[in-house]
Protein backbone atom coordinates (compact mmCIF):
# COMPACT_ATOMS: atom_id res chain seq x y z
CA MET A 1 -8.10 4.43 -15.43
CA LEU A 2 -6.56 6.52 -18.23
CA PRO A 3 -9.34 5.74 -20.80
CA LEU A 4 -11.95 6.70 -18.20
CA VAL A 5 -10.23 10.03 -17.59
CA ILE A 6 -10.09 10.64 -21.34
CA VAL A 7 -13.83 9.98 -21.72
CA LEU A 8 -14.95 12.15 -18.78
CA ALA A 9 -12.52 15.01 -19.28
CA GLY A 10 -12.93 14.91 -23.06
CA LEU A 11 -16.72 15.03 -22.98
CA PHE A 12 -16.59 17.84 -20.43
CA ALA A 13 -14.23 19.83 -22.66
CA VAL A 14 -16.36 19.16 -25.75
CA SER A 15 -19.47 20.32 -23.88
CA LEU A 16 -17.76 23.57 -22.93
CA LEU A 17 -16.34 24.16 -26.41
CA ASN A 18 -19.76 23.63 -27.97
CA GLY A 19 -21.70 25.35 -25.21
CA GLY A 20 -23.64 27.37 -27.77
CA SER A 21 -25.47 24.24 -28.91
CA LEU A 22 -26.70 23.35 -25.41
CA GLN A 23 -30.40 23.67 -24.69
CA ALA A 24 -29.65 26.20 -21.95
CA ALA A 25 -27.94 28.48 -24.50
CA GLU A 26 -30.48 27.96 -27.29
CA GLY A 27 -33.42 28.73 -25.04
CA GLY A 28 -35.22 25.39 -25.22
CA PRO A 29 -37.75 23.99 -22.72
CA LEU A 30 -36.98 24.47 -19.05
CA PHE A 31 -36.51 20.77 -18.35
CA LEU A 32 -34.03 20.32 -21.21
CA ALA A 33 -32.19 23.50 -20.24
CA LEU A 34 -31.77 22.32 -16.65
CA PHE A 35 -30.77 18.87 -17.87
CA SER A 36 -28.03 20.30 -20.10
CA LEU A 37 -26.64 22.37 -17.22
CA GLY A 38 -26.72 19.35 -14.92
CA TRP A 39 -24.99 17.28 -17.59
CA VAL A 40 -22.07 19.72 -17.73
CA ALA A 41 -21.84 19.97 -13.93
CA VAL A 42 -21.88 16.20 -13.37
CA LEU A 43 -19.31 15.66 -16.11
CA GLY A 44 -17.03 18.24 -14.52
CA LEU A 45 -17.23 16.62 -11.08
CA LEU A 46 -16.68 13.12 -12.44
CA ALA A 47 -13.74 14.26 -14.55
CA LEU A 48 -12.14 15.97 -11.55
CA GLY A 49 -12.57 12.88 -9.37
CA ALA A 50 -11.20 10.53 -12.05
CA LEU A 51 -8.21 12.81 -12.61
CA GLY A 52 -7.45 12.82 -8.88
CA CYS A 53 -7.61 9.01 -8.76
CA LEU A 54 -5.28 8.79 -11.76
CA VAL A 55 -2.72 11.11 -10.15
CA ALA A 56 -2.86 9.13 -6.89
CA GLN A 57 -2.40 5.89 -8.80
CA TYR A 58 0.69 7.10 -10.64
CA ARG A 59 2.21 8.60 -7.47
CA ARG A 60 2.22 5.20 -5.76
CA PRO A 61 4.78 2.79 -7.23
CA ALA A 62 3.51 -0.64 -8.21
CA GLY A 63 4.35 -3.16 -5.48
CA GLY A 64 5.55 -0.53 -3.03
CA THR A 65 8.79 1.41 -2.66
CA GLY A 66 11.91 -0.60 -3.47
CA ALA A 67 9.95 -3.52 -4.92
CA ALA A 68 11.58 -5.87 -7.41
CA PRO A 69 10.77 -5.39 -11.11
CA ARG A 70 7.40 -6.89 -11.95
CA HIS A 71 7.29 -9.80 -14.38
CA PRO A 72 4.16 -10.53 -16.45
CA VAL A 73 2.06 -13.34 -15.03
CA ALA A 74 0.20 -14.06 -18.29
CA PRO A 75 2.02 -12.25 -21.14
CA LEU A 76 0.36 -11.67 -24.49
CA PRO A 77 1.22 -14.25 -27.15
CA GLY A 78 3.34 -12.95 -29.99
CA TRP A 79 0.72 -13.54 -32.68
CA SER A 80 -1.78 -11.24 -30.92
CA LYS A 81 0.41 -8.13 -30.80
CA PRO A 82 0.27 -7.02 -34.48
CA PRO A 83 -3.57 -7.16 -34.64
CA LEU A 84 -3.76 -5.27 -31.34
CA ALA A 85 -1.47 -2.58 -32.70
CA VAL A 86 -3.59 -2.21 -35.85
CA VAL A 87 -6.91 -1.98 -33.97
CA GLY A 88 -5.56 0.39 -31.34
CA SER A 89 -3.87 2.65 -33.88
CA GLY A 90 -7.05 2.78 -35.99
CA TRP A 91 -9.25 3.92 -33.12
CA LEU A 92 -6.58 6.32 -31.83
CA GLY A 93 -6.10 7.97 -35.23
CA ILE A 94 -9.81 8.38 -35.91
CA GLY A 95 -10.39 9.81 -32.44
CA ALA A 96 -7.56 12.30 -32.71
CA GLY A 97 -8.74 13.37 -36.16
CA LEU A 98 -12.34 13.90 -35.07
CA LEU A 99 -11.23 15.92 -32.06
CA ALA A 100 -8.71 18.14 -33.83
CA PHE A 101 -10.42 18.53 -37.23
CA PRO A 102 -14.13 17.75 -36.77
CA GLY A 103 -15.09 19.50 -40.00
CA PHE A 104 -12.83 17.34 -42.16
CA TRP A 105 -13.06 14.00 -40.36
CA GLY A 106 -16.75 14.39 -39.54
CA ALA A 107 -17.54 14.45 -43.27
CA LEU A 108 -15.83 11.05 -43.61
CA LEU A 109 -18.22 9.33 -41.20
CA PRO A 110 -20.88 7.11 -42.80
CA TRP A 111 -23.67 9.27 -41.32
CA THR A 112 -24.27 13.00 -40.91
CA VAL A 113 -22.93 14.65 -37.75
CA ASN A 114 -22.41 18.20 -36.50
CA ARG A 115 -19.29 19.57 -34.82
CA ALA A 116 -20.26 18.58 -31.28
CA ASP A 117 -21.24 15.04 -32.29
CA ALA A 118 -18.01 14.57 -34.25
CA GLN A 119 -15.87 15.66 -31.32
CA GLY A 120 -17.89 13.55 -28.87
CA LEU A 121 -17.37 10.49 -31.05
CA GLY A 122 -13.70 11.42 -31.26
CA VAL A 123 -13.41 11.31 -27.47
CA TRP A 124 -14.81 7.77 -27.34
CA ALA A 125 -12.64 6.59 -30.24
CA LEU A 126 -9.54 8.12 -28.64
CA ALA A 127 -10.27 6.38 -25.32
CA LEU A 128 -10.73 3.02 -27.06
CA GLY A 129 -7.44 3.44 -28.93
CA VAL A 130 -5.56 4.37 -25.76
CA GLY A 131 -7.08 1.39 -23.95
CA VAL A 132 -6.09 -1.12 -26.63
CA LEU A 133 -2.57 0.26 -27.02
CA GLY A 134 -2.22 0.45 -23.24
CA ALA A 135 -3.05 -3.26 -23.00
CA LEU A 136 -0.38 -3.91 -25.60
CA ALA A 137 2.17 -1.95 -23.58
CA GLU A 138 1.11 -3.62 -20.31
CA ASP A 139 1.70 -7.10 -21.80
CA ASP A 140 -0.02 -8.87 -18.91
CA LEU A 141 -3.54 -10.26 -19.22
CA THR A 142 -4.02 -10.43 -15.45
CA ARG A 143 -3.65 -6.63 -15.13
CA ILE A 144 -6.27 -5.82 -17.80
CA ARG A 145 -8.95 -8.26 -16.63
CA PRO A 146 -11.69 -5.58 -16.23
CA ALA A 147 -10.94 -4.18 -19.69
CA LEU A 148 -11.20 -7.62 -21.26
CA ARG A 149 -14.71 -7.93 -19.83
CA ALA A 150 -15.77 -4.42 -20.85
CA VAL A 151 -14.45 -4.26 -24.42
CA PRO A 152 -16.76 -6.95 -25.89
CA LEU A 153 -19.75 -5.33 -24.17
CA ILE A 154 -18.82 -1.94 -25.65
CA ALA A 155 -18.58 -3.51 -29.11
CA LEU A 156 -21.98 -5.19 -28.68
CA ALA A 157 -23.49 -1.89 -27.53
CA MET A 158 -22.13 -0.23 -30.66
CA VAL A 159 -23.61 -3.00 -32.81
CA LEU A 160 -26.98 -2.51 -31.13
CA VAL A 161 -26.97 1.26 -31.72
CA LEU A 162 -25.88 0.84 -35.34
CA ALA A 163 -28.57 -1.79 -35.89
CA VAL A 164 -31.27 0.55 -34.56
CA HIS A 165 -30.07 3.39 -36.82
CA HIS A 166 -28.99 1.22 -39.76
CA ARG A 167 -31.04 3.29 -42.22
CA SER A 168 -28.95 6.37 -41.39
CA VAL A 169 -25.63 4.61 -42.03
CA ASP A 170 -24.15 4.37 -45.52
CA TRP A 171 -22.85 0.80 -45.34
CA THR A 172 -21.82 0.70 -49.00
CA SER A 173 -19.23 3.46 -48.58
CA GLY A 174 -15.60 3.05 -47.58
CA PRO A 175 -16.14 4.63 -44.13
CA GLY A 176 -19.05 2.24 -43.53
CA ALA A 177 -16.88 -0.79 -44.28
CA SER A 178 -14.06 0.64 -42.15
CA LEU A 179 -16.44 1.15 -39.24
CA ALA A 180 -17.66 -2.44 -39.49
CA ALA A 181 -14.05 -3.68 -39.52
CA LEU A 182 -13.09 -1.57 -36.47
CA VAL A 183 -16.10 -2.72 -34.45
CA THR A 184 -15.44 -6.34 -35.40
CA GLY A 185 -11.78 -5.95 -34.45
CA LEU A 186 -12.74 -4.43 -31.11
CA PHE A 187 -15.06 -7.32 -30.27
CA THR A 188 -12.50 -9.89 -31.41
CA THR A 189 -9.82 -8.22 -29.30
CA GLY A 190 -11.86 -8.44 -26.11
CA ALA A 191 -13.21 -11.95 -26.75
CA SER A 192 -9.82 -13.44 -27.66
CA GLY A 193 -8.13 -11.73 -24.71
CA HIS A 194 -10.78 -13.10 -22.34
CA TRP A 195 -10.25 -16.60 -23.77
CA LEU A 196 -6.47 -16.35 -23.39
CA LEU A 197 -6.84 -15.17 -19.80
CA SER A 198 -9.24 -18.02 -18.97
CA ARG A 199 -6.75 -20.53 -20.40
CA ALA A 200 -3.92 -18.99 -18.36
CA ASP A 201 -6.06 -19.17 -15.20
CA ARG A 202 -6.81 -22.86 -15.83
CA ARG A 203 -3.12 -23.61 -16.28
CA SER A 204 -2.23 -21.76 -13.08
CA ALA A 205 -4.93 -23.62 -11.15
CA ALA A 206 -3.71 -26.99 -12.48
CA ALA A 207 -0.12 -26.15 -11.53
CA ALA A 208 -1.20 -25.12 -8.03
CA GLU A 209 -3.17 -28.35 -7.56
CA ALA A 210 -0.21 -30.43 -8.73
CA ALA A 211 2.09 -28.62 -6.32
CA ALA A 212 -0.35 -29.11 -3.44
CA ALA A 213 -0.68 -32.84 -4.21
CA THR A 214 3.09 -33.40 -4.09
CA PRO A 215 4.30 -34.12 -0.48
CA THR A 216 7.04 -31.90 0.87
CA GLY A 217 10.47 -33.43 0.32
CA SER A 218 9.28 -36.14 -2.05
CA VAL A 219 11.07 -36.88 -5.28
CA PRO A 220 9.11 -35.79 -8.42
CA GLY A 221 7.92 -38.85 -10.32
CA ALA A 222 8.08 -41.17 -7.28
CA PRO A 223 4.93 -43.14 -6.27
CA ALA A 224 2.51 -41.25 -4.09
CA GLY A 225 3.02 -41.92 -0.38
CA SER A 226 6.64 -43.08 -0.69
CA ALA A 227 8.99 -41.84 2.01
CA PRO A 228 11.78 -39.49 1.05
CA PRO A 229 15.23 -41.09 0.82
CA THR A 230 17.48 -40.88 3.87
CA PRO A 231 21.28 -40.80 3.83
CA VAL A 232 22.95 -44.19 4.30
CA GLU A 233 24.89 -44.31 7.55
CA SER A 234 28.34 -45.91 7.49
CA GLU A 235 28.46 -49.12 9.51
CA ALA A 236 32.20 -49.78 9.10
CA ALA A 237 34.01 -50.71 12.33
CA PRO A 238 36.59 -48.26 13.64
CA GLU A 239 40.19 -49.01 12.71
CA VAL A 240 42.45 -50.34 15.49
CA PRO A 241 45.99 -48.91 15.74
CA LEU A 242 48.74 -51.39 14.78
CA ALA A 243 50.61 -50.86 18.08
CA ALA A 244 47.70 -52.25 20.06
CA VAL A 245 47.73 -55.62 18.22
CA PRO A 246 49.68 -58.33 20.20
CA PRO A 247 52.59 -60.03 18.31
CA ALA A 248 51.94 -63.49 16.91
CA GLY A 249 53.95 -66.52 18.15
CA PRO A 250 54.53 -68.61 21.38
CA PRO A 251 54.78 -66.89 24.77
CA PRO A 252 58.29 -66.07 26.10
CA ALA A 253 60.14 -68.80 28.17
CA ASP A 254 60.48 -68.63 32.00
CA ASP A 255 64.10 -67.90 33.14
CA ASP A 256 63.56 -69.37 36.70
CA GLY A 257 63.49 -73.00 35.54
């Protein structure tokens, strides 16, 4: 939710800050002027709605009030955390730089951009960085399932746009190589995360099937269908008190004889 709020609110703010470059301000054709005004209005409404959803989400504790601390269902493997930190920090730094200093950072892009384009690209880069670093902080693949599906598609969309405009991109420069590395890292992040989540789902399904196949009360490792062991009842005869046992020997003599 937070990356979505950053995109909508950021693009709305960039549109207002660069309102002089809108078609409505420059006096272009009527259709384009109305479209630019509608673009700003729709962005404002969407940003307001997304912000309200984000506030409502953070006001409600996860799992309800008084719930036990949540433990990750499918935590990230240790080897994946350093690459995630590098990719997320790269996108976050570029986005913050383009937003705060579009004149300086915009000149470092491998194609020519104006102030509004540089800040718009900065909004998208900032949202991608926050999303990747947020997944690292979440440390649970099951809670970022939608992001794992979206990130590879975003990377493929970027590849498609760059392929269409490949003549305008200076691929031999350092920024061009850095852009290719960041897009590749973004795609690899989403694809590897989706693979890890699928593997965790298969393991959980196998464990659930094994638990369902085991009868209740049976001993693990025993043959299927065997009855559970029952306690052995004691069959020992009760002890007889010594006083109740008659004395051994002949019967007493009769005194009448």
